[in-house]
Amino acid sequence: MQCAVWGKIFPRLSEVSGDVDAVIRSALSATSCEIVVVRVCEDEPLCDAREFTAVLISGSPAMVNDPFAWIKHTVRWVRETHIYQVPTLGVCFGHQLIAHALGGKVARTAGSAELNTAMIERAASDEEDRFLSFLPRKFLAQAAHSEIVTEPPLGSRILARNDAGIQALQFGPMTWGVQFHPELEDRHLRVIQAEHKGRVAHGVQAETSYAVVQRTDEVAKLFERFYRLATGAAVRS
């Protein structure tokens, strides 16, 4: 399941690497999973969540509080997915959508959009966090967002944060969200920066600093980690 369609919102990025589903497929290349893409933002129907082994909700140019019918419909579906404990991972917008669906709050970042390679710090112990425990206590990840989860849903656990705010949450036994983009490489972020330069999105000026774009090889393994947790495969610390 996904929301972003890069061929429409970032034509140059689509030329470089294909649409977001192609990038996610690449990030999951070490696994044997079959990927079904549902573009909810184009009103493609969602089937019963229990038919999926796992669900990954991608980023989107939309904001979770936008008055779009597809967002309201997807929020209801996310709640059901969480109740059924279908393994779910939300990325950026997907992370915010899960938080919103489960009673959390999402708002604009303080100041400018976070559009760089961000330094992020894990906030939970290895024993409390099977998801991020393979990463160093501090790690780098690509960030591209102008909103953030400001209040986590009741019962969720903050797994990582930085100066911009909450960067990862565990919402339940099999539901996670990350504000950053494990699927993006430095080359992707440079293209996104170039297309954002000078734009004002939702009233937030997107400041860019090419000097802070770095490789993020460690966090790129996060989708594989999610797949292994979702399928019950052994995970390495």
C-alpha atoms as a PDB file:
ATOM      1  CA  MET A   1       0.000   0.000   0.000  1.00  0.00           C
ATOM      2  CA  GLN A   2       1.318   3.450  -0.797  1.00  0.00           C
ATOM      3  CA  CYS A   3       0.315   7.075  -1.193  1.00  0.00           C
ATOM      4  CA  ALA A   4       3.180   8.838  -2.947  1.00  0.00           C
ATOM      5  CA  VAL A   5       3.400   8.756  -6.741  1.00  0.00           C
ATOM      6  CA  TRP A   6       6.780  10.250  -7.576  1.00  0.00           C
ATOM      7  CA  GLY A   7       6.116  10.368 -11.296  1.00  0.00           C
ATOM      8  CA  LYS A   8       3.591  13.104 -10.505  1.00  0.00           C
ATOM      9  CA  ILE A   9       5.113  14.952  -7.547  1.00  0.00           C
ATOM     10  CA  PHE A  10       8.847  14.510  -8.286  1.00  0.00           C
ATOM     11  CA  PRO A  11       9.223  13.878 -12.040  1.00  0.00           C
ATOM     12  CA  ARG A  12      13.021  14.131 -11.884  1.00  0.00           C
ATOM     13  CA  LEU A  13      13.201  11.638  -9.036  1.00  0.00           C
ATOM     14  CA  SER A  14      11.020   9.225 -10.973  1.00  0.00           C
ATOM     15  CA  GLU A  15      13.435   9.528 -13.897  1.00  0.00           C
ATOM     16  CA  VAL A  16      16.362   8.692 -11.607  1.00  0.00           C
ATOM     17  CA  SER A  17      14.952   5.689  -9.762  1.00  0.00           C
ATOM     18  CA  GLY A  18      11.399   4.929 -10.856  1.00  0.00           C
ATOM     19  CA  ASP A  19       8.340   5.546  -8.716  1.00  0.00           C
ATOM     20  CA  VAL A  20       8.215   5.016  -4.969  1.00  0.00           C
ATOM     21  CA  ASP A  21       7.144   1.390  -5.357  1.00  0.00           C
ATOM     22  CA  ALA A  22      10.309   0.702  -7.382  1.00  0.00           C
ATOM     23  CA  VAL A  23      12.454   2.214  -4.620  1.00  0.00           C
ATOM     24  CA  ILE A  24      10.642   0.184  -1.954  1.00  0.00           C
ATOM     25  CA  ARG A  25      11.077  -2.980  -4.031  1.00  0.00           C
ATOM     26  CA  SER A  26      14.788  -2.233  -4.205  1.00  0.00           C
ATOM     27  CA  ALA A  27      14.936  -1.712  -0.424  1.00  0.00           C
ATOM     28  CA  LEU A  28      13.261  -5.123   0.028  1.00  0.00           C
ATOM     29  CA  SER A  29      15.430  -6.884  -2.546  1.00  0.00           C
ATOM     30  CA  ALA A  30      17.105  -9.026   0.137  1.00  0.00           C
ATOM     31  CA  THR A  31      13.735 -10.615   0.944  1.00  0.00           C
ATOM     32  CA  SER A  32      11.493 -12.928  -1.041  1.00  0.00           C
ATOM     33  CA  CYS A  33       8.251 -11.056  -0.427  1.00  0.00           C
ATOM     34  CA  GLU A  34       5.670 -10.422  -3.118  1.00  0.00           C
ATOM     35  CA  ILE A  35       4.696  -6.746  -3.185  1.00  0.00           C
ATOM     36  CA  VAL A  36       1.154  -5.596  -3.946  1.00  0.00           C
ATOM     37  CA  VAL A  37       0.854  -1.848  -4.584  1.00  0.00           C
ATOM     38  CA  VAL A  38      -2.406  -0.065  -3.723  1.00  0.00           C
ATOM     39  CA  ARG A  39      -2.506   3.648  -4.548  1.00  0.00           C
ATOM     40  CA  VAL A  40      -5.066   4.796  -2.003  1.00  0.00           C
ATOM     41  CA  CYS A  41      -4.568   8.420  -3.045  1.00  0.00           C
ATOM     42  CA  GLU A  42      -6.027   7.446  -6.429  1.00  0.00           C
ATOM     43  CA  ASP A  43      -8.991   5.743  -4.748  1.00  0.00           C
ATOM     44  CA  GLU A  44      -7.803   2.204  -5.426  1.00  0.00           C
ATOM     45  CA  PRO A  45      -9.764  -0.102  -3.079  1.00  0.00           C
ATOM     46  CA  LEU A  46      -8.268  -1.684   0.039  1.00  0.00           C
ATOM     47  CA  CYS A  47      -9.118  -5.303   0.725  1.00  0.00           C
ATOM     48  CA  ASP A  48      -9.345  -6.921   4.164  1.00  0.00           C
ATOM     49  CA  ALA A  49      -6.036  -6.237   5.918  1.00  0.00           C
ATOM     50  CA  ARG A  50      -5.909  -9.837   7.113  1.00  0.00           C
ATOM     51  CA  GLU A  51      -5.233 -10.924   3.537  1.00  0.00           C
ATOM     52  CA  PHE A  52      -1.741  -9.366   3.800  1.00  0.00           C
ATOM     53  CA  THR A  53       1.310 -10.806   5.532  1.00  0.00           C
ATOM     54  CA  ALA A  54       2.445  -7.238   6.244  1.00  0.00           C
ATOM     55  CA  VAL A  55       1.556  -3.659   5.323  1.00  0.00           C
ATOM     56  CA  LEU A  56       3.913  -0.803   4.468  1.00  0.00           C
ATOM     57  CA  ILE A  57       2.446   2.705   4.185  1.00  0.00           C
ATOM     58  CA  SER A  58       4.707   5.069   2.275  1.00  0.00           C
ATOM     59  CA  GLY A  59       5.162   8.818   2.288  1.00  0.00           C
ATOM     60  CA  SER A  60       2.847  11.247   0.540  1.00  0.00           C
ATOM     61  CA  PRO A  61       2.695  14.923  -0.490  1.00  0.00           C
ATOM     62  CA  ALA A  62      -0.610  15.054   1.408  1.00  0.00           C
ATOM     63  CA  MET A  63      -0.908  15.904   5.101  1.00  0.00           C
ATOM     64  CA  VAL A  64      -2.909  13.683   7.439  1.00  0.00           C
ATOM     65  CA  ASN A  65      -5.277  16.517   8.367  1.00  0.00           C
ATOM     66  CA  ASP A  66      -6.097  17.314   4.727  1.00  0.00           C
ATOM     67  CA  PRO A  67      -9.851  16.917   4.054  1.00  0.00           C
ATOM     68  CA  PHE A  68      -9.496  14.124   1.481  1.00  0.00           C
ATOM     69  CA  ALA A  69     -11.964  11.250   1.450  1.00  0.00           C
ATOM     70  CA  TRP A  70      -9.195   8.706   0.766  1.00  0.00           C
ATOM     71  CA  ILE A  71      -7.403   9.754   3.964  1.00  0.00           C
ATOM     72  CA  LYS A  72     -10.520   9.237   6.092  1.00  0.00           C
ATOM     73  CA  HIS A  73     -11.127   5.882   4.445  1.00  0.00           C
ATOM     74  CA  THR A  74      -7.516   4.786   4.985  1.00  0.00           C
ATOM     75  CA  VAL A  75      -7.596   5.910   8.642  1.00  0.00           C
ATOM     76  CA  ARG A  76     -10.473   3.497   9.300  1.00  0.00           C
ATOM     77  CA  TRP A  77      -8.576   0.720   7.515  1.00  0.00           C
ATOM     78  CA  VAL A  78      -5.407   1.411   9.543  1.00  0.00           C
ATOM     79  CA  ARG A  79      -7.386   1.091  12.779  1.00  0.00           C
ATOM     80  CA  GLU A  80      -8.665  -2.318  11.698  1.00  0.00           C
ATOM     81  CA  THR A  81      -5.166  -3.378  10.677  1.00  0.00           C
ATOM     82  CA  HIS A  82      -3.875  -2.414  14.115  1.00  0.00           C
ATOM     83  CA  ILE A  83      -6.693  -4.263  15.900  1.00  0.00           C
ATOM     84  CA  TYR A  84      -6.014  -7.409  13.860  1.00  0.00           C
ATOM     85  CA  GLN A  85      -2.271  -7.029  14.614  1.00  0.00           C
ATOM     86  CA  VAL A  86      -1.314  -7.263  10.950  1.00  0.00           C
ATOM     87  CA  PRO A  87       2.393  -6.299  10.905  1.00  0.00           C
ATOM     88  CA  THR A  88       2.430  -2.676   9.739  1.00  0.00           C
ATOM     89  CA  LEU A  89       5.137  -0.103   9.113  1.00  0.00           C
ATOM     90  CA  GLY A  90       4.405   3.534   8.308  1.00  0.00           C
ATOM     91  CA  VAL A  91       7.048   5.764   6.719  1.00  0.00           C
ATOM     92  CA  CYS A  92       6.857   9.582   7.004  1.00  0.00           C
ATOM     93  CA  PHE A  93       3.215  10.267   6.048  1.00  0.00           C
ATOM     94  CA  GLY A  94       2.450   6.615   6.806  1.00  0.00           C
ATOM     95  CA  HIS A  95       3.947   7.000  10.286  1.00  0.00           C
ATOM     96  CA  GLN A  96       1.888  10.143  10.870  1.00  0.00           C
ATOM     97  CA  LEU A  97      -1.259   8.475   9.502  1.00  0.00           C
ATOM     98  CA  ILE A  98      -0.981   5.593  11.978  1.00  0.00           C
ATOM     99  CA  ALA A  99      -0.428   8.025  14.865  1.00  0.00           C
ATOM    100  CA  HIS A 100      -3.418  10.104  13.741  1.00  0.00           C
ATOM    101  CA  ALA A 101      -5.624   7.019  13.293  1.00  0.00           C
ATOM    102  CA  LEU A 102      -4.841   5.781  16.810  1.00  0.00           C
ATOM    103  CA  GLY A 103      -5.504   9.086  18.585  1.00  0.00           C
ATOM    104  CA  GLY A 104      -2.165  10.909  18.384  1.00  0.00           C
ATOM    105  CA  LYS A 105      -1.575  14.426  17.093  1.00  0.00           C
ATOM    106  CA  VAL A 106       0.327  15.585  14.023  1.00  0.00           C
ATOM    107  CA  ALA A 107       1.376  19.183  13.368  1.00  0.00           C
ATOM    108  CA  ARG A 108       3.896  21.248  11.462  1.00  0.00           C
ATOM    109  CA  THR A 109       7.519  21.057  12.405  1.00  0.00           C
ATOM    110  CA  ALA A 110       8.806  24.026  14.387  1.00  0.00           C
ATOM    111  CA  GLY A 111      10.325  26.291  11.753  1.00  0.00           C
ATOM    112  CA  SER A 112      11.540  24.893   8.453  1.00  0.00           C
ATOM    113  CA  ALA A 113      10.955  21.488   6.972  1.00  0.00           C
ATOM    114  CA  GLU A 114      13.460  18.776   7.852  1.00  0.00           C
ATOM    115  CA  LEU A 115      14.999  18.079   4.453  1.00  0.00           C
ATOM    116  CA  ASN A 116      18.450  16.640   4.990  1.00  0.00           C
ATOM    117  CA  THR A 117      20.415  13.699   6.324  1.00  0.00           C
ATOM    118  CA  ALA A 118      19.329  13.747   9.945  1.00  0.00           C
ATOM    119  CA  MET A 119      21.160  12.509  13.029  1.00  0.00           C
ATOM    120  CA  ILE A 120      18.731  10.408  15.052  1.00  0.00           C
ATOM    121  CA  GLU A 121      19.102   8.826  18.480  1.00  0.00           C
ATOM    122  CA  ARG A 122      17.402   5.657  19.656  1.00  0.00           C
ATOM    123  CA  ALA A 123      15.330   6.238  22.792  1.00  0.00           C
ATOM    124  CA  ALA A 124      14.514   2.689  23.960  1.00  0.00           C
ATOM    125  CA  SER A 125      16.704  -0.152  25.188  1.00  0.00           C
ATOM    126  CA  ASP A 126      17.509  -3.106  22.945  1.00  0.00           C
ATOM    127  CA  GLU A 127      15.230  -5.292  25.067  1.00  0.00           C
ATOM    128  CA  GLU A 128      12.310  -2.883  24.570  1.00  0.00           C
ATOM    129  CA  ASP A 129      12.923  -2.355  20.869  1.00  0.00           C
ATOM    130  CA  ARG A 130      13.399  -5.320  18.522  1.00  0.00           C
ATOM    131  CA  PHE A 131      12.853  -3.044  15.523  1.00  0.00           C
ATOM    132  CA  LEU A 132      15.740  -0.552  15.744  1.00  0.00           C
ATOM    133  CA  SER A 133      18.065  -2.476  18.063  1.00  0.00           C
ATOM    134  CA  PHE A 134      20.393  -3.487  15.224  1.00  0.00           C
ATOM    135  CA  LEU A 135      21.269   0.183  14.646  1.00  0.00           C
ATOM    136  CA  PRO A 136      23.863   2.197  16.601  1.00  0.00           C
ATOM    137  CA  ARG A 137      22.557   4.350  19.424  1.00  0.00           C
ATOM    138  CA  LYS A 138      22.954   7.323  17.046  1.00  0.00           C
ATOM    139  CA  PHE A 139      22.426   6.828  13.325  1.00  0.00           C
ATOM    140  CA  LEU A 140      21.902   8.805  10.123  1.00  0.00           C
ATOM    141  CA  ALA A 141      18.749   8.712   7.985  1.00  0.00           C
ATOM    142  CA  GLN A 142      17.282  10.713   5.122  1.00  0.00           C
ATOM    143  CA  ALA A 143      14.500  13.090   6.227  1.00  0.00           C
ATOM    144  CA  ALA A 144      11.982  14.944   4.059  1.00  0.00           C
ATOM    145  CA  HIS A 145       8.937  16.266   5.896  1.00  0.00           C
ATOM    146  CA  SER A 146       7.242  19.447   7.090  1.00  0.00           C
ATOM    147  CA  GLU A 147       4.946  17.822   9.693  1.00  0.00           C
ATOM    148  CA  ILE A 148       5.691  15.539  12.623  1.00  0.00           C
ATOM    149  CA  VAL A 149       3.921  13.546  15.349  1.00  0.00           C
ATOM    150  CA  THR A 150       3.693  15.945  18.284  1.00  0.00           C
ATOM    151  CA  GLU A 151       1.685  13.699  20.643  1.00  0.00           C
ATOM    152  CA  PRO A 152       1.975   9.895  20.351  1.00  0.00           C
ATOM    153  CA  PRO A 153      -1.160   7.792  20.800  1.00  0.00           C
ATOM    154  CA  LEU A 154      -1.840   6.418  24.252  1.00  0.00           C
ATOM    155  CA  GLY A 155       0.109   3.214  24.851  1.00  0.00           C
ATOM    156  CA  SER A 156       2.715   3.775  22.144  1.00  0.00           C
ATOM    157  CA  ARG A 157       6.468   3.878  22.812  1.00  0.00           C
ATOM    158  CA  ILE A 158       8.941   6.413  21.428  1.00  0.00           C
ATOM    159  CA  LEU A 159      11.797   4.491  19.822  1.00  0.00           C
ATOM    160  CA  ALA A 160      13.853   7.357  18.384  1.00  0.00           C
ATOM    161  CA  ARG A 161      13.953  11.130  18.241  1.00  0.00           C
ATOM    162  CA  ASN A 162      16.129  14.118  17.353  1.00  0.00           C
ATOM    163  CA  ASP A 163      15.986  17.914  17.603  1.00  0.00           C
ATOM    164  CA  ALA A 164      13.031  17.979  15.180  1.00  0.00           C
ATOM    165  CA  GLY A 165      10.980  15.691  17.420  1.00  0.00           C
ATOM    166  CA  ILE A 166       9.761  12.086  17.396  1.00  0.00           C
ATOM    167  CA  GLN A 167      11.404   9.979  14.694  1.00  0.00           C
ATOM    168  CA  ALA A 168      10.123   6.458  15.446  1.00  0.00           C
ATOM    169  CA  LEU A 169       7.242   4.920  17.376  1.00  0.00           C
ATOM    170  CA  GLN A 170       5.993   1.465  18.259  1.00  0.00           C
ATOM    171  CA  PHE A 171       2.210   1.659  18.339  1.00  0.00           C
ATOM    172  CA  GLY A 172       1.565  -1.937  19.331  1.00  0.00           C
ATOM    173  CA  PRO A 173       3.031  -5.444  19.207  1.00  0.00           C
ATOM    174  CA  MET A 174       3.296  -5.435  15.390  1.00  0.00           C
ATOM    175  CA  THR A 175       2.799  -1.787  14.401  1.00  0.00           C
ATOM    176  CA  TRP A 176       5.679   0.635  13.887  1.00  0.00           C
ATOM    177  CA  GLY A 177       6.263   4.021  12.305  1.00  0.00           C
ATOM    178  CA  VAL A 178       9.344   6.007  11.291  1.00  0.00           C
ATOM    179  CA  GLN A 179       9.399   9.672  10.371  1.00  0.00           C
ATOM    180  CA  PHE A 180      12.576   9.278   8.317  1.00  0.00           C
ATOM    181  CA  HIS A 181      12.953   7.455   4.977  1.00  0.00           C
ATOM    182  CA  PRO A 182      14.894   4.155   5.129  1.00  0.00           C
ATOM    183  CA  GLU A 183      14.262   3.631   1.409  1.00  0.00           C
ATOM    184  CA  LEU A 184      15.967   6.838   0.262  1.00  0.00           C
ATOM    185  CA  GLU A 185      19.621   7.077  -0.691  1.00  0.00           C
ATOM    186  CA  ASP A 186      21.676  10.270  -0.709  1.00  0.00           C
ATOM    187  CA  ARG A 187      21.147  10.588  -4.492  1.00  0.00           C
ATOM    188  CA  HIS A 188      17.385  10.543  -3.982  1.00  0.00           C
ATOM    189  CA  LEU A 189      17.506  13.242  -1.325  1.00  0.00           C
ATOM    190  CA  ARG A 190      19.606  15.538  -3.512  1.00  0.00           C
ATOM    191  CA  VAL A 191      16.946  15.363  -6.218  1.00  0.00           C
ATOM    192  CA  ILE A 192      14.159  16.026  -3.685  1.00  0.00           C
ATOM    193  CA  GLN A 193      16.105  19.003  -2.313  1.00  0.00           C
ATOM    194  CA  ALA A 194      16.549  20.434  -5.786  1.00  0.00           C
ATOM    195  CA  GLU A 195      12.831  20.127  -6.554  1.00  0.00           C
ATOM    196  CA  HIS A 196      11.885  21.696  -3.203  1.00  0.00           C
ATOM    197  CA  LYS A 197      14.313  24.588  -3.487  1.00  0.00           C
ATOM    198  CA  GLY A 198      12.452  27.873  -3.236  1.00  0.00           C
ATOM    199  CA  ARG A 199       9.088  26.210  -2.653  1.00  0.00           C
ATOM    200  CA  VAL A 200       6.815  26.854   0.281  1.00  0.00           C
ATOM    201  CA  ALA A 201       4.831  23.719   1.154  1.00  0.00           C
ATOM    202  CA  HIS A 202       1.857  24.130   3.496  1.00  0.00           C
ATOM    203  CA  GLY A 203       3.313  27.437   4.705  1.00  0.00           C
ATOM    204  CA  VAL A 204       6.690  25.938   5.651  1.00  0.00           C
ATOM    205  CA  GLN A 205       9.777  27.089   3.794  1.00  0.00           C
ATOM    206  CA  ALA A 206      11.896  24.100   2.796  1.00  0.00           C
ATOM    207  CA  GLU A 207      15.482  25.056   3.558  1.00  0.00           C
ATOM    208  CA  THR A 208      18.133  22.924   1.909  1.00  0.00           C
ATOM    209  CA  SER A 209      21.753  22.320   2.795  1.00  0.00           C
ATOM    210  CA  TYR A 210      23.564  20.053   0.348  1.00  0.00           C
ATOM    211  CA  ALA A 211      26.539  19.789   2.720  1.00  0.00           C
ATOM    212  CA  VAL A 212      24.526  17.613   5.132  1.00  0.00           C
ATOM    213  CA  VAL A 213      23.497  14.946   2.597  1.00  0.00           C
ATOM    214  CA  GLN A 214      25.333  11.730   3.466  1.00  0.00           C
ATOM    215  CA  ARG A 215      25.085   8.008   2.815  1.00  0.00           C
ATOM    216  CA  THR A 216      22.796   6.083   5.175  1.00  0.00           C
ATOM    217  CA  ASP A 217      23.737   2.466   4.534  1.00  0.00           C
ATOM    218  CA  GLU A 218      22.896   1.177   8.029  1.00  0.00           C
ATOM    219  CA  VAL A 219      19.294   2.378   8.153  1.00  0.00           C
ATOM    220  CA  ALA A 220      18.698   1.096   4.610  1.00  0.00           C
ATOM    221  CA  LYS A 221      18.367  -2.398   6.130  1.00  0.00           C
ATOM    222  CA  LEU A 222      15.274  -1.404   8.132  1.00  0.00           C
ATOM    223  CA  PHE A 223      12.736  -2.695   5.611  1.00  0.00           C
ATOM    224  CA  GLU A 224      14.413  -6.103   5.653  1.00  0.00           C
ATOM    225  CA  ARG A 225      14.270  -5.993   9.464  1.00  0.00           C
ATOM    226  CA  PHE A 226      10.544  -5.238   9.338  1.00  0.00           C
ATOM    227  CA  TYR A 227       9.942  -8.104   6.915  1.00  0.00           C
ATOM    228  CA  ARG A 228      11.787 -10.559   9.165  1.00  0.00           C
ATOM    229  CA  LEU A 229       9.795  -9.430  12.214  1.00  0.00           C
ATOM    230  CA  ALA A 230       6.547  -9.639  10.241  1.00  0.00           C
ATOM    231  CA  THR A 231       7.219 -13.179   9.055  1.00  0.00           C
ATOM    232  CA  GLY A 232       8.652 -14.465  12.335  1.00  0.00           C
ATOM    233  CA  ALA A 233      12.121 -14.997  10.892  1.00  0.00           C
ATOM    234  CA  ALA A 234      15.115 -14.792  13.210  1.00  0.00           C
ATOM    235  CA  VAL A 235      16.528 -11.274  13.569  1.00  0.00           C
ATOM    236  CA  ARG A 236      20.071 -10.289  14.333  1.00  0.00           C
ATOM    237  CA  SER A 237      20.736  -7.689  17.028  1.00  0.00           C
END
